[in-house]
Every structure is written in structure tokens, then in C-alpha cells.
Amino acid sequence: MADYSAINAFLARARAGLDRVEPERLADEVAAGAIMIDIRPLEQRQRDGELPGAIIIDRNVIEWRLDPTSPDRLAIAVDAGIRYVLVCNEGYSSSLAAATLRELGLRRATDLVGGFQASRVSPQGRLTAPVRSPLPESRPEAC
């Protein structure tokens, strides 16, 4: 049965503006300069493990941390053209967050299809991308 809920319609509109990354392409994206952002809550990271090379930013502050015009931005947020690949647990909230970042002008923000869980069924077995951490400490405090 099709789900015609308001949230699914909203999600479809958000995804229509994204060039989402398939799990098997994540390492290539990072090698080309993309920055992985893990927006999963602490409980999910503790349960399922960390995403190697990702910067952890809580979903509730991501707009402030990545907007290059924000006084609360991270040191990496220097340009609206940076390629950010957001990763949540299953690829739903990351789509909404990436669409919001695009509305703020971060025109290359996107997300990972299937989120972290997609790694469990991918041919590689687990998401592994080249470790590339542009920050010495990748756990910014939440507001």
C-alpha cells in the first residue's frame, strides 16, 4: 500500500533536489574532496559503530555548524561550494538535512542513500571511506 503521508511527500520533494550518493560511491566522493558528516545520535553510533573519517555533527545544530556565514560555524565551513555528504541511520533525516543546507546556499550538500545501515548490505560489507578528517577534534559541542 502506498504511503501518501505529508512527511513522505515532503521527503520526496527534498530528495528531488539532491544528487544522492550510493554507498559504493562514498569512498570515491571522499577521495574527490567530499566531507562526510555523521548526523546520527550518540546512541546509534554507540550501538552500530563509528563511520571512519566522518565529522560528527548533531542534527540539531548542523545548519549553524556548516553555514559559512554563521558565527557558530566549524573551521571547515569556509565556502558554500564544499561537497558535504550527510549520513544518518537509514537515509531519511539526512535527506531533509541536506535539502535544508541547500536552501541555505550550500549547493553541493547531499546525503548517502540508505544511510549507515546501507553498509550492512553493501557488497563491501561495511562503509569504509578513506579517513580524511579536516578537524583535529571531530566532536563539536551542541548548542
N, C-alpha and C. Protein backbone atom coordinates (compact mmCIF):
# COMPACT_ATOMS: atom_id res chain seq x y z
N MET A 1 0.84 -1.18 0.00
CA MET A 1 0.00 0.00 0.00
C MET A 1 0.88 1.24 0.00
N ALA A 2 0.57 2.19 -0.84
CA ALA A 2 1.35 3.41 -0.96
C ALA A 2 1.12 4.31 0.25
N ASP A 3 2.18 4.99 0.66
CA ASP A 3 2.10 5.91 1.79
C ASP A 3 2.01 7.34 1.24
N TYR A 4 0.84 7.96 1.41
CA TYR A 4 0.63 9.31 0.92
C TYR A 4 0.68 10.33 2.04
N SER A 5 1.46 10.04 3.08
CA SER A 5 1.54 10.95 4.21
C SER A 5 2.25 12.24 3.81
N ALA A 6 2.00 13.27 4.57
CA ALA A 6 2.62 14.57 4.31
C ALA A 6 4.14 14.49 4.41
N ILE A 7 4.64 13.72 5.38
CA ILE A 7 6.10 13.64 5.53
C ILE A 7 6.73 12.93 4.34
N ASN A 8 6.10 11.90 3.80
CA ASN A 8 6.69 11.23 2.64
C ASN A 8 6.67 12.12 1.41
N ALA A 9 5.64 12.93 1.25
CA ALA A 9 5.62 13.89 0.15
C ALA A 9 6.72 14.93 0.34
N PHE A 10 6.90 15.38 1.57
CA PHE A 10 7.95 16.35 1.89
C PHE A 10 9.33 15.75 1.61
N LEU A 11 9.53 14.51 2.01
CA LEU A 11 10.80 13.82 1.78
C LEU A 11 11.08 13.68 0.29
N ALA A 12 10.07 13.33 -0.48
CA ALA A 12 10.24 13.19 -1.93
C ALA A 12 10.64 14.52 -2.56
N ARG A 13 10.04 15.62 -2.12
CA ARG A 13 10.42 16.94 -2.64
C ARG A 13 11.86 17.28 -2.26
N ALA A 14 12.24 16.95 -1.04
CA ALA A 14 13.61 17.23 -0.59
C ALA A 14 14.61 16.44 -1.42
N ARG A 15 14.34 15.18 -1.65
CA ARG A 15 15.26 14.32 -2.40
C ARG A 15 15.32 14.69 -3.87
N ALA A 16 14.27 15.27 -4.40
CA ALA A 16 14.25 15.64 -5.82
C ALA A 16 15.35 16.65 -6.14
N GLY A 17 15.78 17.42 -5.17
CA GLY A 17 16.82 18.41 -5.38
C GLY A 17 18.22 17.94 -5.02
N LEU A 18 18.37 16.68 -4.67
CA LEU A 18 19.67 16.15 -4.25
C LEU A 18 20.22 15.17 -5.28
N ASP A 19 21.53 15.13 -5.38
CA ASP A 19 22.21 14.09 -6.16
C ASP A 19 22.81 13.12 -5.16
N ARG A 20 21.96 12.24 -4.65
CA ARG A 20 22.32 11.37 -3.54
C ARG A 20 23.44 10.40 -3.92
N VAL A 21 24.24 10.03 -2.92
CA VAL A 21 25.40 9.18 -3.11
C VAL A 21 25.05 7.74 -2.74
N GLU A 22 25.32 6.82 -3.65
CA GLU A 22 25.15 5.39 -3.35
C GLU A 22 26.31 4.94 -2.46
N PRO A 23 26.06 3.98 -1.56
CA PRO A 23 27.12 3.56 -0.64
C PRO A 23 28.42 3.15 -1.32
N GLU A 24 28.33 2.47 -2.45
CA GLU A 24 29.56 2.02 -3.12
C GLU A 24 30.34 3.18 -3.75
N ARG A 25 29.78 4.37 -3.80
CA ARG A 25 30.45 5.55 -4.37
C ARG A 25 31.01 6.49 -3.29
N LEU A 26 30.75 6.17 -2.03
CA LEU A 26 31.15 7.07 -0.95
C LEU A 26 32.67 7.29 -0.91
N ALA A 27 33.44 6.24 -1.02
CA ALA A 27 34.90 6.37 -0.98
C ALA A 27 35.39 7.26 -2.13
N ASP A 28 34.78 7.12 -3.31
CA ASP A 28 35.16 7.97 -4.44
C ASP A 28 34.83 9.44 -4.17
N GLU A 29 33.68 9.68 -3.55
CA GLU A 29 33.30 11.06 -3.21
C GLU A 29 34.32 11.69 -2.26
N VAL A 30 34.70 10.93 -1.24
CA VAL A 30 35.66 11.43 -0.26
C VAL A 30 37.02 11.65 -0.93
N ALA A 31 37.43 10.72 -1.78
CA ALA A 31 38.71 10.87 -2.49
C ALA A 31 38.70 12.12 -3.37
N ALA A 32 37.52 12.50 -3.86
CA ALA A 32 37.40 13.69 -4.71
C ALA A 32 37.25 14.97 -3.89
N GLY A 33 37.26 14.85 -2.55
CA GLY A 33 37.23 16.04 -1.71
C GLY A 33 35.98 16.23 -0.88
N ALA A 34 35.01 15.35 -1.00
CA ALA A 34 33.79 15.49 -0.20
C ALA A 34 34.11 15.27 1.28
N ILE A 35 33.32 15.88 2.13
CA ILE A 35 33.46 15.73 3.57
C ILE A 35 32.24 14.98 4.09
N MET A 36 32.48 13.85 4.74
CA MET A 36 31.39 13.07 5.34
C MET A 36 31.00 13.68 6.67
N ILE A 37 29.70 13.80 6.87
CA ILE A 37 29.17 14.31 8.13
C ILE A 37 28.21 13.27 8.69
N ASP A 38 28.55 12.74 9.85
CA ASP A 38 27.72 11.76 10.53
C ASP A 38 26.77 12.50 11.46
N ILE A 39 25.45 12.44 11.17
CA ILE A 39 24.47 13.15 11.98
C ILE A 39 23.68 12.21 12.89
N ARG A 40 24.13 10.95 13.00
CA ARG A 40 23.43 10.00 13.85
C ARG A 40 23.58 10.38 15.32
N PRO A 41 22.55 10.11 16.12
CA PRO A 41 22.66 10.36 17.56
C PRO A 41 23.72 9.46 18.20
N LEU A 42 24.21 9.88 19.32
CA LEU A 42 25.23 9.13 20.07
C LEU A 42 24.81 7.67 20.28
N GLU A 43 23.56 7.45 20.62
CA GLU A 43 23.09 6.08 20.89
C GLU A 43 23.27 5.18 19.67
N GLN A 44 22.99 5.69 18.49
CA GLN A 44 23.16 4.88 17.27
C GLN A 44 24.63 4.65 16.96
N ARG A 45 25.46 5.66 17.18
CA ARG A 45 26.90 5.47 16.95
C ARG A 45 27.48 4.45 17.92
N GLN A 46 27.02 4.50 19.17
CA GLN A 46 27.49 3.52 20.16
C GLN A 46 27.02 2.11 19.81
N ARG A 47 25.79 1.98 19.35
CA ARG A 47 25.23 0.68 19.02
C ARG A 47 25.85 0.08 17.76
N ASP A 48 25.98 0.91 16.71
CA ASP A 48 26.37 0.40 15.39
C ASP A 48 27.81 0.69 15.01
N GLY A 49 28.46 1.58 15.71
CA GLY A 49 29.84 1.90 15.41
C GLY A 49 30.00 3.25 14.72
N GLU A 50 31.23 3.68 14.67
CA GLU A 50 31.58 4.96 14.08
C GLU A 50 31.71 4.82 12.56
N LEU A 51 31.66 5.93 11.88
CA LEU A 51 31.88 5.99 10.44
C LEU A 51 33.28 6.55 10.23
N PRO A 52 34.23 5.72 9.82
CA PRO A 52 35.62 6.17 9.70
C PRO A 52 35.75 7.39 8.81
N GLY A 53 36.42 8.40 9.32
CA GLY A 53 36.69 9.61 8.55
C GLY A 53 35.61 10.66 8.59
N ALA A 54 34.48 10.36 9.22
CA ALA A 54 33.37 11.31 9.26
C ALA A 54 33.54 12.31 10.39
N ILE A 55 33.03 13.50 10.16
CA ILE A 55 32.93 14.50 11.21
C ILE A 55 31.55 14.33 11.84
N ILE A 56 31.49 14.30 13.14
CA ILE A 56 30.22 14.12 13.84
C ILE A 56 29.65 15.50 14.17
N ILE A 57 28.43 15.72 13.68
CA ILE A 57 27.72 16.96 13.99
C ILE A 57 26.28 16.57 14.33
N ASP A 58 25.83 16.96 15.50
CA ASP A 58 24.46 16.66 15.87
C ASP A 58 23.49 17.30 14.88
N ARG A 59 22.44 16.59 14.55
CA ARG A 59 21.46 17.07 13.58
C ARG A 59 20.87 18.42 14.00
N ASN A 60 20.68 18.64 15.28
CA ASN A 60 20.02 19.87 15.73
C ASN A 60 20.87 21.12 15.58
N VAL A 61 22.14 20.99 15.22
CA VAL A 61 23.00 22.18 15.05
C VAL A 61 23.70 22.23 13.69
N ILE A 62 23.37 21.31 12.80
CA ILE A 62 24.13 21.20 11.55
C ILE A 62 24.11 22.47 10.71
N GLU A 63 22.96 23.15 10.66
CA GLU A 63 22.88 24.37 9.85
C GLU A 63 23.82 25.44 10.38
N TRP A 64 23.91 25.60 11.68
CA TRP A 64 24.79 26.60 12.27
C TRP A 64 26.26 26.23 12.10
N ARG A 65 26.58 24.93 12.12
CA ARG A 65 27.97 24.49 12.03
C ARG A 65 28.52 24.52 10.60
N LEU A 66 27.66 24.36 9.59
CA LEU A 66 28.16 24.28 8.21
C LEU A 66 27.88 25.52 7.37
N ASP A 67 27.06 26.43 7.85
CA ASP A 67 26.80 27.67 7.12
C ASP A 67 28.04 28.55 7.21
N PRO A 68 28.69 28.85 6.08
CA PRO A 68 29.91 29.65 6.13
C PRO A 68 29.70 31.08 6.61
N THR A 69 28.45 31.54 6.68
CA THR A 69 28.17 32.89 7.17
C THR A 69 27.80 32.90 8.65
N SER A 70 27.73 31.73 9.27
CA SER A 70 27.32 31.63 10.67
C SER A 70 28.50 31.91 11.61
N PRO A 71 28.25 32.68 12.66
CA PRO A 71 29.32 32.88 13.65
C PRO A 71 29.63 31.61 14.43
N ASP A 72 28.77 30.61 14.35
CA ASP A 72 28.96 29.34 15.06
C ASP A 72 29.44 28.22 14.16
N ARG A 73 29.95 28.57 12.98
CA ARG A 73 30.40 27.55 12.02
C ARG A 73 31.67 26.86 12.50
N LEU A 74 31.87 25.66 11.95
CA LEU A 74 33.11 24.94 12.18
C LEU A 74 34.20 25.52 11.27
N ALA A 75 35.43 25.23 11.58
CA ALA A 75 36.56 25.73 10.79
C ALA A 75 36.52 25.25 9.34
N ILE A 76 35.92 24.11 9.07
CA ILE A 76 35.84 23.59 7.70
C ILE A 76 34.82 24.31 6.84
N ALA A 77 33.88 25.01 7.46
CA ALA A 77 32.77 25.65 6.74
C ALA A 77 33.20 27.01 6.20
N VAL A 78 34.03 26.98 5.18
CA VAL A 78 34.59 28.23 4.66
C VAL A 78 33.99 28.65 3.32
N ASP A 79 33.20 27.76 2.70
CA ASP A 79 32.71 28.05 1.36
C ASP A 79 31.39 27.31 1.13
N ALA A 80 30.48 27.94 0.42
CA ALA A 80 29.19 27.33 0.12
C ALA A 80 29.30 26.22 -0.92
N GLY A 81 30.44 26.10 -1.57
CA GLY A 81 30.63 25.09 -2.60
C GLY A 81 31.23 23.79 -2.13
N ILE A 82 31.44 23.64 -0.84
CA ILE A 82 32.01 22.40 -0.31
C ILE A 82 31.01 21.26 -0.49
N ARG A 83 31.51 20.11 -0.86
CA ARG A 83 30.68 18.92 -1.02
C ARG A 83 30.58 18.22 0.33
N TYR A 84 29.41 18.26 0.94
CA TYR A 84 29.13 17.55 2.18
C TYR A 84 28.24 16.36 1.86
N VAL A 85 28.59 15.19 2.39
CA VAL A 85 27.74 14.01 2.27
C VAL A 85 27.28 13.67 3.68
N LEU A 86 26.00 13.89 3.94
CA LEU A 86 25.45 13.65 5.26
C LEU A 86 25.04 12.19 5.39
N VAL A 87 25.28 11.63 6.57
CA VAL A 87 24.95 10.23 6.83
C VAL A 87 24.15 10.16 8.12
N CYS A 88 22.93 9.62 8.00
CA CYS A 88 22.13 9.32 9.19
C CYS A 88 22.02 7.81 9.29
N ASN A 89 21.08 7.31 10.04
CA ASN A 89 20.98 5.87 10.22
C ASN A 89 20.49 5.14 8.98
N GLU A 90 19.41 5.65 8.35
CA GLU A 90 18.83 4.94 7.21
C GLU A 90 18.61 5.83 5.98
N GLY A 91 19.08 7.07 6.01
CA GLY A 91 18.97 7.91 4.83
C GLY A 91 17.70 8.74 4.73
N TYR A 92 17.00 8.94 5.82
CA TYR A 92 15.80 9.77 5.80
C TYR A 92 16.09 11.17 6.33
N SER A 93 16.50 11.26 7.59
CA SER A 93 16.76 12.58 8.16
C SER A 93 17.93 13.27 7.47
N SER A 94 18.86 12.49 6.93
CA SER A 94 19.98 13.11 6.20
C SER A 94 19.50 13.78 4.92
N SER A 95 18.48 13.23 4.28
CA SER A 95 17.92 13.86 3.08
C SER A 95 17.31 15.21 3.43
N LEU A 96 16.55 15.25 4.52
CA LEU A 96 15.93 16.50 4.94
C LEU A 96 16.99 17.53 5.34
N ALA A 97 18.01 17.07 6.05
CA ALA A 97 19.08 17.98 6.47
C ALA A 97 19.85 18.51 5.27
N ALA A 98 20.15 17.65 4.30
CA ALA A 98 20.88 18.09 3.11
C ALA A 98 20.06 19.10 2.31
N ALA A 99 18.75 18.87 2.21
CA ALA A 99 17.88 19.81 1.50
C ALA A 99 17.87 21.17 2.21
N THR A 100 17.86 21.15 3.53
CA THR A 100 17.92 22.40 4.30
C THR A 100 19.23 23.13 4.05
N LEU A 101 20.33 22.40 4.03
CA LEU A 101 21.63 23.03 3.75
C LEU A 101 21.63 23.66 2.37
N ARG A 102 21.03 22.99 1.41
CA ARG A 102 20.95 23.56 0.06
C ARG A 102 20.13 24.84 0.07
N GLU A 103 19.05 24.88 0.85
CA GLU A 103 18.26 26.10 0.95
C GLU A 103 19.06 27.24 1.55
N LEU A 104 20.04 26.91 2.39
CA LEU A 104 20.93 27.92 2.97
C LEU A 104 22.02 28.36 1.99
N GLY A 105 22.09 27.71 0.84
CA GLY A 105 23.09 28.08 -0.16
C GLY A 105 24.24 27.11 -0.32
N LEU A 106 24.26 26.05 0.46
CA LEU A 106 25.32 25.04 0.32
C LEU A 106 24.90 24.10 -0.81
N ARG A 107 25.15 24.53 -2.02
CA ARG A 107 24.59 23.93 -3.24
C ARG A 107 25.07 22.52 -3.56
N ARG A 108 26.12 22.04 -2.90
CA ARG A 108 26.63 20.70 -3.19
C ARG A 108 26.35 19.71 -2.06
N ALA A 109 25.62 20.13 -1.03
CA ALA A 109 25.27 19.23 0.07
C ALA A 109 24.36 18.12 -0.44
N THR A 110 24.57 16.93 0.07
CA THR A 110 23.74 15.78 -0.30
C THR A 110 23.79 14.77 0.83
N ASP A 111 23.28 13.57 0.56
CA ASP A 111 23.30 12.54 1.60
C ASP A 111 23.57 11.16 1.00
N LEU A 112 23.73 10.20 1.88
CA LEU A 112 24.05 8.83 1.50
C LEU A 112 22.76 8.01 1.42
N VAL A 113 22.52 7.41 0.27
CA VAL A 113 21.33 6.57 0.08
C VAL A 113 21.39 5.41 1.09
N GLY A 114 20.33 5.24 1.86
CA GLY A 114 20.27 4.14 2.83
C GLY A 114 20.99 4.40 4.13
N GLY A 115 21.72 5.51 4.22
CA GLY A 115 22.41 5.86 5.45
C GLY A 115 23.43 4.83 5.89
N PHE A 116 23.78 4.89 7.15
CA PHE A 116 24.78 3.99 7.70
C PHE A 116 24.37 2.53 7.54
N GLN A 117 23.09 2.25 7.68
CA GLN A 117 22.62 0.86 7.62
C GLN A 117 22.82 0.25 6.24
N ALA A 118 22.89 1.06 5.19
CA ALA A 118 23.10 0.52 3.85
C ALA A 118 24.43 -0.21 3.76
N SER A 119 25.35 0.13 4.63
CA SER A 119 26.66 -0.52 4.62
C SER A 119 26.56 -1.99 5.01
N ARG A 120 25.54 -2.33 5.74
CA ARG A 120 25.38 -3.71 6.21
C ARG A 120 24.98 -4.66 5.10
N VAL A 121 24.44 -4.11 4.01
CA VAL A 121 24.01 -4.95 2.89
C VAL A 121 24.80 -4.65 1.62
N SER A 122 25.73 -3.72 1.71
CA SER A 122 26.52 -3.40 0.53
C SER A 122 27.53 -4.51 0.27
N PRO A 123 28.00 -4.63 -0.98
CA PRO A 123 28.98 -5.67 -1.30
C PRO A 123 30.25 -5.57 -0.45
N GLN A 124 30.59 -4.36 -0.03
CA GLN A 124 31.80 -4.18 0.77
C GLN A 124 31.59 -4.63 2.21
N GLY A 125 30.34 -4.83 2.62
CA GLY A 125 30.07 -5.31 3.96
C GLY A 125 29.93 -4.20 4.98
N ARG A 126 30.74 -3.19 4.91
CA ARG A 126 30.68 -2.06 5.83
C ARG A 126 31.17 -0.82 5.12
N LEU A 127 30.61 0.31 5.50
CA LEU A 127 31.06 1.57 4.92
C LEU A 127 32.49 1.83 5.35
N THR A 128 33.33 1.93 4.39
CA THR A 128 34.70 2.33 4.71
C THR A 128 35.11 3.33 3.66
N ALA A 129 35.46 4.48 4.09
CA ALA A 129 35.93 5.52 3.20
C ALA A 129 37.30 5.95 3.68
N PRO A 130 38.09 6.52 2.81
CA PRO A 130 39.40 6.99 3.26
C PRO A 130 39.25 7.94 4.44
N VAL A 131 40.01 7.71 5.46
CA VAL A 131 39.95 8.59 6.62
C VAL A 131 40.54 9.93 6.24
N ARG A 132 39.72 10.94 6.31
CA ARG A 132 40.13 12.30 5.95
C ARG A 132 39.41 13.22 6.89
N SER A 133 40.01 13.52 7.99
CA SER A 133 39.38 14.37 8.98
C SER A 133 40.02 15.75 8.94
N PRO A 134 39.28 16.76 8.45
CA PRO A 134 39.85 18.09 8.36
C PRO A 134 39.95 18.80 9.70
N LEU A 135 39.41 18.22 10.75
CA LEU A 135 39.48 18.83 12.07
C LEU A 135 40.26 17.94 13.01
N PRO A 136 41.07 18.53 13.89
CA PRO A 136 41.77 17.70 14.85
C PRO A 136 40.79 17.05 15.83
N GLU A 137 39.70 17.71 16.16
CA GLU A 137 38.68 17.17 17.05
C GLU A 137 37.37 17.20 16.29
N SER A 138 36.76 16.03 16.06
CA SER A 138 35.58 15.98 15.22
C SER A 138 34.28 15.84 15.99
N ARG A 139 34.25 16.31 17.22
CA ARG A 139 33.04 16.22 18.01
C ARG A 139 32.68 17.60 18.57
N PRO A 140 32.10 18.47 17.73
CA PRO A 140 31.73 19.79 18.22
C PRO A 140 30.62 19.69 19.26
N GLU A 141 30.64 20.58 20.20
CA GLU A 141 29.60 20.58 21.23
C GLU A 141 28.30 21.10 20.64
N ALA A 142 27.21 20.58 21.14
CA ALA A 142 25.88 21.04 20.70
C ALA A 142 25.54 22.34 21.40
N CYS A 143 24.65 23.08 20.78
CA CYS A 143 24.18 24.34 21.39
C CYS A 143 23.41 24.05 22.65
